[in-house]
Protein backbone atom coordinates (compact mmCIF):
# COMPACT_ATOMS: atom_id res chain seq x y z
CA MET A 1 28.35 -51.46 -4.26
CA SER A 2 29.83 -52.11 -7.71
CA ASP A 3 28.60 -50.74 -11.04
CA GLN A 4 29.56 -54.04 -12.76
CA PRO A 5 26.82 -56.12 -14.42
CA VAL A 6 24.92 -58.35 -12.00
CA PRO A 7 25.83 -62.09 -12.30
CA GLY A 8 22.96 -64.30 -13.25
CA ASN A 9 23.19 -66.43 -10.08
CA VAL A 10 22.59 -63.64 -7.53
CA THR A 11 19.85 -64.12 -4.96
CA ASP A 12 16.74 -62.00 -4.59
CA GLY A 13 18.30 -60.50 -1.46
CA ASP A 14 21.34 -59.42 -3.47
CA ARG A 15 19.08 -57.87 -6.10
CA PHE A 16 17.19 -55.93 -3.44
CA ARG A 17 20.41 -54.62 -1.90
CA LEU A 18 21.62 -53.56 -5.34
CA LEU A 19 18.30 -51.78 -5.97
CA VAL A 20 18.45 -49.93 -2.64
CA ASP A 21 22.04 -48.91 -3.24
CA ALA A 22 21.26 -47.63 -6.73
CA LEU A 23 18.72 -45.07 -5.45
CA THR A 24 20.58 -41.79 -5.12
CA ASP A 25 17.63 -39.48 -4.38
CA HIS A 26 16.56 -41.43 -1.27
CA ALA A 27 18.67 -42.03 1.82
CA ILE A 28 17.74 -45.62 2.78
CA TYR A 29 19.54 -47.16 5.74
CA MET A 30 19.08 -49.34 8.80
CA LEU A 31 19.34 -48.58 12.50
CA ASP A 32 19.85 -51.02 15.35
CA PRO A 33 17.38 -50.93 18.29
CA GLN A 34 19.45 -48.18 19.97
CA GLY A 35 19.47 -45.99 16.87
CA ARG A 36 22.98 -46.73 15.62
CA VAL A 37 23.48 -46.81 11.83
CA SER A 38 23.95 -50.38 10.59
CA SER A 39 23.71 -49.87 6.80
CA TRP A 40 24.16 -46.97 4.38
CA ASN A 41 23.22 -46.60 0.71
CA ARG A 42 24.61 -44.25 -1.94
CA GLY A 43 21.52 -42.05 -1.68
CA ALA A 44 22.33 -41.43 1.98
CA GLN A 45 25.88 -40.49 1.08
CA HIS A 46 24.63 -38.22 -1.73
CA ILE A 47 22.10 -36.40 0.47
CA LYS A 48 23.97 -36.21 3.77
CA GLY A 49 27.56 -36.12 2.53
CA TYR A 50 28.94 -38.93 4.75
CA SER A 51 30.56 -42.11 3.50
CA ALA A 52 29.52 -45.45 5.00
CA GLN A 53 32.77 -45.65 7.00
CA GLU A 54 32.00 -42.28 8.66
CA VAL A 55 28.54 -43.21 9.96
CA LEU A 56 28.34 -46.97 10.53
CA GLY A 57 28.03 -47.64 14.25
CA ARG A 58 27.24 -44.00 15.12
CA ASN A 59 23.88 -42.84 16.48
CA PHE A 60 21.53 -41.34 13.90
CA SER A 61 21.08 -38.28 16.15
CA MET A 62 24.21 -36.91 14.48
CA PHE A 63 21.98 -35.82 11.59
CA TYR A 64 19.71 -33.74 13.85
CA THR A 65 20.09 -30.03 14.63
CA ASP A 66 21.33 -28.97 18.05
CA GLU A 67 17.86 -27.72 18.95
CA ASP A 68 16.20 -31.03 18.07
CA ARG A 69 18.81 -33.03 19.97
CA ALA A 70 18.32 -30.82 23.02
CA ASN A 71 14.57 -31.40 22.79
CA GLY A 72 14.97 -35.18 22.59
CA GLU A 73 13.65 -35.51 19.04
CA PRO A 74 15.80 -38.55 18.05
CA GLN A 75 14.59 -40.59 21.03
CA ARG A 76 10.99 -39.52 20.44
CA ALA A 77 11.20 -40.66 16.80
CA LEU A 78 12.32 -44.16 17.86
CA SER A 79 9.66 -44.30 20.58
CA VAL A 80 6.82 -43.26 18.23
CA ALA A 81 7.96 -45.75 15.56
CA ALA A 82 8.15 -48.57 18.15
CA THR A 83 4.76 -47.87 19.77
CA GLU A 84 2.71 -46.70 16.78
CA GLY A 85 4.34 -48.69 13.99
CA ARG A 86 5.65 -45.67 12.02
CA PHE A 87 7.17 -42.23 12.52
CA GLU A 88 6.85 -39.63 9.73
CA LYS A 89 7.82 -35.98 9.75
CA GLN A 90 9.24 -33.03 7.82
CA ALA A 91 12.06 -31.27 9.64
CA TRP A 92 15.48 -29.69 9.24
CA ARG A 93 18.45 -32.07 9.15
CA LEU A 94 22.22 -31.50 8.91
CA ARG A 95 24.68 -32.46 6.18
CA LYS A 96 28.32 -33.24 6.81
CA ASP A 97 29.34 -29.69 5.83
CA GLY A 98 26.99 -28.24 8.46
CA THR A 99 24.36 -26.95 6.04
CA ARG A 100 20.70 -27.64 6.69
CA PHE A 101 18.18 -29.24 4.39
CA MET A 102 14.47 -29.91 4.75
CA ALA A 103 13.96 -33.65 5.07
CA HIS A 104 10.92 -35.86 4.73
CA VAL A 105 11.62 -38.73 7.13
CA ILE A 106 9.96 -42.13 7.52
CA LEU A 107 11.02 -44.51 10.30
CA ASP A 108 9.56 -48.05 10.47
CA PRO A 109 10.35 -50.69 13.10
CA ILE A 110 11.67 -54.11 12.03
CA ARG A 111 10.37 -56.87 14.29
CA ALA A 112 11.23 -60.50 14.86
CA ALA A 113 8.58 -63.20 14.71
CA ASN A 114 7.99 -62.83 18.47
CA GLY A 115 7.49 -59.05 18.13
CA ASP A 116 10.87 -57.97 19.45
CA ILE A 117 12.36 -54.94 17.67
CA LEU A 118 15.42 -55.91 15.66
CA GLY A 119 16.01 -52.38 14.41
CA PHE A 120 14.52 -49.66 12.24
CA ALA A 121 14.31 -48.94 8.52
CA LYS A 122 14.81 -45.26 7.77
CA ILE A 123 14.07 -43.37 4.53
CA THR A 124 14.99 -39.70 4.11
CA ARG A 125 14.29 -37.47 1.11
CA ASP A 126 15.67 -33.97 0.52
CA ILE A 127 12.57 -31.84 -0.14
CA THR A 128 14.21 -28.44 0.32
CA GLU A 129 13.55 -27.23 -3.22
CA SER A 130 9.92 -28.30 -3.27
CA VAL A 131 9.27 -26.78 0.18
CA LEU A 132 10.87 -23.47 -0.83
CA ALA A 133 8.97 -23.51 -4.13
CA GLN A 134 5.71 -24.10 -2.25
CA LYS A 135 6.56 -21.30 0.16
CA GLU A 136 7.20 -18.91 -2.73
CA LEU A 137 3.94 -20.01 -4.34
CA ASP A 138 2.07 -19.41 -1.08
CA LEU A 139 3.65 -15.96 -0.75
CA ALA A 140 2.72 -15.15 -4.36
CA ARG A 141 -0.86 -16.29 -3.74
CA GLU A 142 -1.02 -14.21 -0.56
CA ALA A 143 0.38 -11.18 -2.39
CA LEU A 144 -2.18 -11.65 -5.18
CA PHE A 145 -5.00 -12.02 -2.66
CA GLN A 146 -3.80 -8.92 -0.81
CA SER A 147 -3.56 -6.97 -4.07
CA GLN A 148 -7.05 -8.03 -5.13
CA LYS A 149 -8.42 -7.21 -1.70
CA LEU A 150 -6.87 -3.75 -1.69
CA GLN A 151 -8.06 -3.15 -5.25
CA ALA A 152 -11.61 -4.05 -4.27
CA ILE A 153 -11.46 -1.85 -1.16
CA GLY A 154 -9.94 0.92 -3.27
CA GLN A 155 -12.79 0.78 -5.77
CA LEU A 156 -15.31 0.80 -2.93
CA SER A 157 -13.53 3.68 -1.17
CA GLY A 158 -13.29 5.68 -4.38
CA GLY A 159 -16.99 5.25 -5.06
CA ILE A 160 -17.95 6.17 -1.51
CA ALA A 161 -15.66 9.19 -1.57
CA HIS A 162 -17.22 10.36 -4.85
CA ASP A 163 -20.72 10.24 -3.39
CA PHE A 164 -19.51 11.73 -0.10
CA ASN A 165 -17.87 14.60 -1.97
CA ASN A 166 -21.20 15.43 -3.60
CA LEU A 167 -22.84 15.58 -0.18
CA LEU A 168 -20.05 17.72 1.23
CA THR A 169 -20.35 20.08 -1.75
CA VAL A 170 -24.00 20.62 -0.87
CA ILE A 171 -23.42 20.97 2.88
CA ARG A 172 -20.40 23.27 2.55
CA GLY A 173 -22.07 25.50 -0.06
CA ASN A 174 -25.25 25.98 1.91
CA LEU A 175 -23.37 26.62 5.16
CA GLU A 176 -21.25 29.28 3.47
CA LEU A 177 -24.35 31.05 2.22
CA LEU A 178 -25.99 30.70 5.62
CA SER A 179 -22.94 32.15 7.37
CA LYS A 180 -23.37 35.37 5.37
CA ARG A 181 -26.89 35.77 6.75
CA VAL A 182 -26.31 35.15 10.48
CA ASP A 183 -23.59 37.72 11.17
CA GLY A 184 -25.87 39.57 13.57
CA ASP A 185 -26.47 36.54 15.81
CA PRO A 186 -23.28 35.27 17.52
CA ARG A 187 -24.93 32.03 18.68
CA LEU A 188 -26.05 31.12 15.17
CA SER A 189 -22.64 32.11 13.81
CA ARG A 190 -20.93 29.68 16.21
CA LEU A 191 -23.26 26.89 15.12
CA VAL A 192 -22.55 27.53 11.43
CA ASP A 193 -18.81 27.83 12.01
CA ASN A 194 -18.79 24.56 13.93
CA ALA A 195 -20.70 22.84 11.12
CA LEU A 196 -18.23 24.21 8.57
CA GLN A 197 -15.35 22.80 10.62
CA GLY A 198 -17.13 19.46 10.53
CA THR A 199 -17.30 19.60 6.74
CA GLU A 200 -13.54 20.28 6.63
CA ARG A 201 -12.99 17.06 8.56
CA GLY A 202 -15.17 15.31 6.03
CA VAL A 203 -13.10 16.80 3.21
CA SER A 204 -9.92 15.50 4.87
CA LEU A 205 -11.46 12.04 5.22
CA THR A 206 -12.48 11.87 1.57
CA GLN A 207 -9.00 13.00 0.52
CA ARG A 208 -7.53 10.09 2.46
CA MET A 209 -9.97 7.64 0.93
CA LEU A 210 -9.22 8.93 -2.57
CA ALA A 211 -5.49 8.84 -1.89
CA PHE A 212 -5.73 5.20 -0.86
CA ALA A 213 -7.84 4.43 -3.93
CA ARG A 214 -5.28 6.36 -6.05
CA ARG A 215 -8.08 8.48 -7.46
CA GLN A 216 -7.21 11.86 -6.05
CA GLU A 217 -6.44 14.59 -8.53
CA LEU A 218 -2.71 15.32 -8.24
CA ARG A 219 -1.20 18.63 -9.31
CA THR A 220 2.40 17.57 -9.56
CA GLU A 221 5.40 19.84 -9.90
CA ALA A 222 9.09 19.97 -9.04
CA VAL A 223 9.61 20.35 -5.30
CA HIS A 224 12.84 20.89 -3.37
CA LEU A 225 12.37 18.75 -0.23
CA PRO A 226 14.72 20.63 2.15
CA GLN A 227 12.84 23.86 1.48
CA LEU A 228 9.42 22.20 1.75
CA VAL A 229 10.25 20.45 5.04
CA ASP A 230 11.83 23.63 6.42
CA ASN A 231 8.65 25.57 5.62
CA LEU A 232 6.56 22.83 7.24
CA LEU A 233 8.78 22.26 10.29
CA GLY A 234 6.89 24.62 12.59
CA LEU A 235 3.59 22.87 11.87
CA LEU A 236 5.21 19.42 12.25
CA ARG A 237 6.65 20.37 15.65
CA SER A 238 3.34 21.81 16.77
CA SER A 239 1.60 18.61 15.68
CA ALA A 240 4.15 16.44 17.50
CA GLY A 241 3.75 18.30 20.79
CA PRO A 242 6.24 19.58 23.39
CA GLN A 243 7.49 16.13 24.45
CA VAL A 244 8.68 15.17 20.98
CA THR A 245 11.72 16.61 19.20
CA VAL A 246 11.41 16.88 15.42
CA LEU A 247 14.70 17.23 13.53
CA ALA A 248 15.12 17.70 9.78
CA GLN A 249 18.42 16.45 8.37
CA LEU A 250 18.08 16.99 4.62
CA GLY A 251 21.09 17.97 2.56
CA GLU A 252 20.63 20.97 0.27
CA THR A 253 22.05 18.93 -2.60
CA LEU A 254 19.02 16.63 -2.76
CA PRO A 255 17.51 16.75 -6.25
CA ALA A 256 13.97 18.04 -6.70
CA VAL A 257 11.18 15.47 -6.67
CA HIS A 258 8.02 15.33 -8.79
CA VAL A 259 5.09 15.52 -6.34
CA ASP A 260 1.89 17.27 -5.35
CA ILE A 261 2.94 19.77 -2.66
CA ASN A 262 -0.34 19.78 -0.74
CA GLN A 263 -0.64 16.00 -0.69
CA LEU A 264 2.99 15.53 0.30
CA GLU A 265 2.58 17.97 3.18
CA LEU A 266 -0.50 16.05 4.31
CA ALA A 267 1.44 12.77 4.05
CA LEU A 268 4.28 14.15 6.20
CA LEU A 269 1.79 15.36 8.80
CA ASN A 270 0.24 11.90 8.89
CA LEU A 271 3.62 10.17 9.31
CA VAL A 272 4.77 12.56 12.04
CA SER A 273 1.42 12.19 13.84
CA ASN A 274 1.76 8.39 13.74
CA ALA A 275 5.31 8.65 15.10
CA ARG A 276 4.10 10.94 17.89
CA ASP A 277 1.36 8.50 18.88
CA ALA A 278 3.99 5.74 19.16
CA MET A 279 5.87 7.82 21.75
CA PRO A 280 3.38 8.64 24.54
CA ALA A 281 6.23 9.46 26.93
CA GLY A 282 8.05 11.60 24.36
CA GLY A 283 11.03 11.00 22.12
CA SER A 284 12.52 12.18 18.85
CA ILE A 285 11.59 12.12 15.18
CA ARG A 286 14.22 12.53 12.47
CA ILE A 287 13.45 13.40 8.85
CA VAL A 288 16.30 12.39 6.53
CA GLY A 289 16.72 11.98 2.78
CA ALA A 290 18.94 10.01 0.44
CA VAL A 291 19.22 9.61 -3.35
CA HIS A 292 18.93 6.17 -4.95
CA GLY A 293 19.16 4.88 -8.49
CA ARG A 294 16.74 2.48 -10.15
CA VAL A 295 14.85 0.33 -7.64
CA ASP A 296 13.19 -3.03 -8.27
CA ARG A 297 9.56 -2.80 -9.42
CA LEU A 298 9.57 1.02 -9.50
CA PRO A 299 9.20 2.77 -12.88
CA HIS A 300 11.57 5.74 -12.59
CA ASP A 301 15.35 5.86 -12.91
CA GLU A 302 16.11 7.86 -9.77
CA TYR A 303 14.41 8.37 -6.40
CA VAL A 304 14.75 10.32 -3.19
CA CYS A 305 14.00 8.19 -0.13
CA LEU A 306 12.46 10.50 2.49
CA SER A 307 12.61 8.70 5.86
CA ILE A 308 10.68 9.59 9.01
CA ILE A 309 12.44 7.81 11.89
CA ASP A 310 11.11 7.60 15.45
CA ASP A 311 12.37 5.89 18.61
CA GLY A 312 8.91 4.89 19.78
CA GLU A 313 7.26 1.61 20.70
CA GLY A 314 7.67 0.03 17.27
CA MET A 315 5.41 -2.64 15.77
CA ASP A 316 5.42 -6.41 15.97
CA GLU A 317 5.28 -8.51 12.80
CA HIS A 318 1.47 -8.80 12.84
CA VAL A 319 0.83 -5.06 13.17
CA LEU A 320 3.55 -4.24 10.63
CA ALA A 321 1.99 -6.59 8.08
CA TYR A 322 -1.35 -4.77 8.23
CA ALA A 323 -0.23 -1.23 9.14
CA ALA A 324 -0.87 0.27 5.69
CA ASP A 325 -4.18 -1.54 5.14
CA PRO A 326 -7.20 0.77 4.98
CA PHE A 327 -9.21 1.15 8.18
CA PHE A 328 -6.65 -0.85 10.20
CA THR A 329 -5.76 1.00 13.40
CA THR A 330 -4.34 0.13 16.82
CA LYS A 331 -5.86 3.27 18.32
CA GLY A 332 -9.00 3.23 20.41
CA VAL A 333 -12.49 3.54 18.96
CA GLY A 334 -13.05 7.06 17.68
CA LYS A 335 -9.36 7.98 17.86
CA GLY A 336 -8.28 7.04 14.35
CA THR A 337 -9.77 6.21 10.96
CA GLY A 338 -7.05 3.77 9.95
CA LEU A 339 -6.59 5.71 6.70
CA GLY A 340 -3.44 7.71 7.50
CA LEU A 341 -0.84 5.21 6.29
CA SER A 342 -3.03 3.87 3.49
CA MET A 343 -3.39 7.46 2.26
CA VAL A 344 0.39 7.87 2.21
CA HIS A 345 0.75 4.48 0.52
CA GLY A 346 -1.80 5.43 -2.17
CA LEU A 347 -0.16 8.82 -2.78
CA ALA A 348 3.31 7.27 -3.14
CA GLU A 349 2.10 4.65 -5.61
CA GLN A 350 0.13 7.21 -7.63
CA LEU A 351 3.33 9.27 -7.94
CA GLY A 352 5.29 6.21 -9.13
CA GLY A 353 6.98 5.59 -5.77
CA ARG A 354 6.17 3.55 -2.70
CA LEU A 355 5.86 3.57 1.08
CA VAL A 356 8.09 1.15 3.01
CA LEU A 357 7.62 0.54 6.74
CA LYS A 358 10.43 -0.92 8.85
CA SER A 359 9.86 -1.63 12.51
CA ARG A 360 10.53 -3.92 15.45
CA LYS A 361 8.72 -4.03 18.73
CA GLY A 362 10.50 -1.77 21.19
CA GLN A 363 12.97 -0.47 18.57
CA GLY A 364 11.04 2.30 16.84
CA THR A 365 9.76 2.67 13.28
CA THR A 366 11.13 4.02 10.02
CA ALA A 367 8.65 5.11 7.34
CA GLU A 368 10.35 5.45 3.96
CA LEU A 369 8.60 7.54 1.33
CA TRP A 370 10.19 6.88 -2.08
CA LEU A 371 9.58 9.83 -4.42
CA PRO A 372 10.62 10.09 -8.09
CA VAL A 373 13.29 12.65 -8.97
CA ASP A 374 12.20 15.42 -11.36
CA LYS A 375 15.10 15.51 -13.82
CA ASP A 376 13.78 18.60 -15.62
CA ALA A 377 13.48 20.71 -12.48
CA ASP A 378 15.37 23.88 -11.70
CA PRO A 379 17.44 22.70 -8.69
CA GLY A 380 16.53 24.19 -5.34
CA VAL A 381 13.36 25.94 -6.45
CA LEU A 382 10.12 25.33 -4.57
CA PRO A 383 7.04 26.63 -6.39
CA LEU A 384 5.31 29.29 -4.35
CA THR A 385 1.55 29.74 -4.29
CA GLU A 386 0.66 33.38 -4.70
CA GLY A 387 -2.45 34.67 -3.02
CA ARG A 388 -5.29 35.58 -5.34
CA GLN A 389 -7.70 38.36 -4.54
CA GLN A 390 -11.40 37.71 -4.87
CA PRO A 391 -12.06 38.28 -8.59
CA SER A 392 -14.81 40.51 -9.81
CA PHE A 393 -16.42 40.49 -13.25
CA LYS A 394 -19.68 41.27 -14.89
CA PRO A 395 -22.61 38.92 -14.28
CA LEU A 396 -22.48 35.85 -16.49
CA THR A 397 -24.99 33.38 -17.87
CA VAL A 398 -23.65 30.00 -16.74
CA LEU A 399 -24.81 26.60 -17.95
CA LEU A 400 -24.52 24.24 -14.96
CA VAL A 401 -24.71 20.49 -15.66
CA ASP A 402 -24.97 17.87 -12.90
CA ASP A 403 -27.12 14.77 -12.52
CA ASP A 404 -27.22 15.19 -8.71
CA SER A 405 -30.08 17.58 -7.94
CA LEU A 406 -28.70 18.51 -4.50
CA VAL A 407 -25.32 19.51 -5.93
CA LEU A 408 -27.04 21.32 -8.78
CA ASN A 409 -29.27 23.39 -6.47
CA SER A 410 -26.45 24.19 -4.06
CA THR A 411 -24.10 25.37 -6.83
CA VAL A 412 -26.90 27.45 -8.37
CA LEU A 413 -27.24 29.29 -5.04
CA LEU A 414 -23.48 29.87 -4.84
CA LEU A 415 -23.32 31.24 -8.39
CA GLU A 416 -26.40 33.40 -7.96
CA ASP A 417 -24.93 34.79 -4.75
CA LEU A 418 -21.91 35.84 -6.83
CA GLY A 419 -24.27 37.69 -9.16
CA HIS A 420 -24.51 35.24 -12.04
CA ARG A 421 -27.54 33.87 -13.88
CA VAL A 422 -27.67 30.08 -14.04
CA VAL A 423 -29.22 27.73 -16.59
CA CYS A 424 -29.52 24.17 -15.23
CA ALA A 425 -29.26 20.79 -16.95
CA THR A 426 -29.29 17.32 -15.40
CA SER A 427 -27.74 15.44 -18.34
CA GLY A 428 -25.50 15.92 -21.34
CA ALA A 429 -28.40 15.72 -23.75
CA GLN A 430 -30.34 18.38 -21.82
CA ALA A 431 -27.23 20.60 -21.75
CA LEU A 432 -26.92 20.46 -25.54
CA LEU A 433 -30.60 21.38 -25.83
CA CYS A 434 -30.06 24.38 -23.52
CA LEU A 435 -27.13 25.59 -25.65
CA GLU A 436 -29.28 25.32 -28.75
CA GLN A 437 -32.28 27.16 -27.27
CA GLN A 438 -30.42 29.78 -25.18
CA PRO A 439 -27.61 31.34 -27.23
CA GLY A 440 -26.63 33.79 -24.48
CA ILE A 441 -24.75 31.18 -22.40
CA GLU A 442 -21.20 32.43 -21.69
CA LEU A 443 -19.66 29.51 -19.72
CA MET A 444 -20.38 25.86 -18.93
CA ILE A 445 -19.61 23.97 -15.71
CA THR A 446 -20.24 20.24 -16.03
CA ASP A 447 -19.92 17.35 -13.63
CA MET A 448 -17.46 14.72 -14.78
CA ILE A 449 -19.31 11.55 -13.69
CA MET A 450 -22.75 11.32 -15.30
CA PRO A 451 -24.66 8.44 -16.92
CA GLU A 452 -24.98 8.02 -20.71
CA MET A 453 -22.81 11.05 -21.56
CA ASP A 454 -20.13 12.03 -19.02
CA GLY A 455 -18.60 15.47 -18.65
CA ALA A 456 -15.60 14.73 -20.87
CA GLN A 457 -17.82 13.49 -23.71
CA LEU A 458 -20.12 16.47 -23.33
CA ALA A 459 -17.14 18.83 -23.45
CA GLU A 460 -15.94 17.25 -26.72
CA VAL A 461 -19.33 17.82 -28.37
CA VAL A 462 -19.72 21.35 -27.02
CA ARG A 463 -16.21 22.37 -28.10
CA LYS A 464 -17.04 21.38 -31.71
CA LEU A 465 -20.34 23.28 -31.66
CA HIS A 466 -19.11 26.30 -29.65
CA PRO A 467 -15.31 26.51 -29.97
CA ASP A 468 -15.00 29.70 -27.88
CA LEU A 469 -17.22 28.68 -24.95
CA PRO A 470 -15.19 28.30 -21.72
CA ILE A 471 -15.74 24.88 -20.10
CA ILE A 472 -14.98 23.75 -16.53
CA LEU A 473 -15.03 20.12 -15.37
CA ALA A 474 -16.27 19.52 -11.82
CA THR A 475 -14.94 16.27 -10.37
CA GLY A 476 -14.91 14.41 -7.09
CA TYR A 477 -11.92 12.21 -7.92
CA SER A 478 -9.30 11.65 -10.54
CA GLY A 479 -10.13 9.16 -13.24
CA HIS A 480 -8.40 8.38 -16.51
CA LEU A 481 -8.72 11.50 -18.64
CA GLU A 482 -7.80 11.83 -22.27
CA GLY A 483 -8.40 14.13 -25.18
CA LEU A 484 -9.89 17.55 -24.49
CA ALA A 485 -10.64 16.73 -20.82
CA VAL A 486 -6.93 16.71 -19.96
CA GLN A 487 -6.64 20.36 -21.06
CA LEU A 488 -9.75 21.71 -19.34
CA PRO A 489 -9.61 23.45 -15.94
CA ARG A 490 -11.06 21.34 -13.16
CA LEU A 491 -13.12 22.32 -10.13
CA PHE A 492 -12.51 19.83 -7.33
CA LYS A 493 -15.38 18.70 -5.15
CA PRO A 494 -16.26 19.58 -2.48
CA TYR A 495 -15.64 23.18 -3.52
CA SER A 496 -16.23 26.40 -1.63
CA GLN A 497 -17.69 29.60 -3.04
CA GLY A 498 -14.20 31.11 -3.07
CA GLN A 499 -12.84 28.20 -5.11
CA LEU A 500 -15.77 28.51 -7.49
CA ALA A 501 -15.05 32.21 -8.00
CA GLU A 502 -11.35 31.51 -8.49
CA ILE A 503 -11.90 28.90 -11.21
CA LEU A 504 -14.20 31.35 -13.02
CA ALA A 505 -11.40 33.91 -12.92
CA GLN A 506 -8.99 31.42 -14.45
CA VAL A 507 -11.11 30.72 -17.51
CA LEU A 508 -12.49 34.18 -18.18
CA PRO A 509 -10.54 37.15 -19.50
CA GLU A 510 -10.13 40.01 -17.05
CA PRO A 511 -12.63 42.85 -17.60
């Protein structure tokens, strides 16, 4: 068609043809009854890349993919249009250069007065950009929904873990005291020991819940991964069992990472245990590390990617998509909490890293733990925990503050068993009254989460009134701390009598 002005004596048919030809964003053309192209507008040439001379007389199936041609899609389109009066679909089509585009296709039959089909009118639009944009929008919505869901579950898990920690504090404390009084009866001792082991499982469960909720209290420091993994290798191999080979392939030149040693060890045990469970007939697990620079959507400049690689069963796309979700497990009832991977995921994110899972069914799994590099660390040095002997000091008068009466009574018994005198308060206001009325108080232990006045607020007031009074914060999970609370020693629930004695030793001068 020409771009010259239209003469005034053209017919309506000429005007219509000019209009059709002027549309460049729609491919509008005609087919004969057998599907051969009989007309071709500029929009068709623009979208598909063919000139009129290259397509006229050829079957429209040339625009279909090989798969669709093999499945008989061109013939089906003509048949549906002829029998139902219209064919409409979104599908992939081919351009002249072989590239694909997403097309919205409409095919209408053209009939003679007696009903015979004279041909077909075909309209094709390139909707690739809108389809991809919609797909990205759907993915963003799904990611937002998933994030909101995990945030809600995290808040619920954190709250449950806080309450559960209070219960475990009571149970563990009373069992420890009971164990001291049943030494002469072996049957009772076994019962108490078994109950204490049960509380340790409960402690592990709450740690996983808090890790997922990103509310566990982390004690981060510079850690040299080759040394840490080497120290842990015996336990990892024991956990994996005799049919699984565990190999550590970490170069000594890896920079130190900024992590919580205990939580990282627990994360590695979880990942190795998951790998073992994916290899019921045995196999191998490799632990490797590599240094990477800045990574998209991660806050630090440099990372070590610690990979745990197995040659087990692997995961399909569905399982992989939900593997790190809390309480999702493929194990049988009673054989898994579904919190192992979510705990590792929560720990990594709380450290400023991430957990990445890569897997295919039948091709094994790689779990990548991205950990931030500690640039201020002394290379190659792993902090060592020195054993502390049970401290001994003169009896103290301790102000104990907790709004949970069970925790309060249990901790009173633990402190009294250590030889201390305890003054109790169930609120911040009552604690301040006790300090005013009983000047002999030598130390205060306060719960962090309390109504009206929490432990941090109470500590601020007490420090102004009694600058020299040692203060300990007891907490079930890590919240946002600021001011004085950041500097105070913390007693982590559920605590044992030994941990209680140790924290006292940290805040009091040696006799």
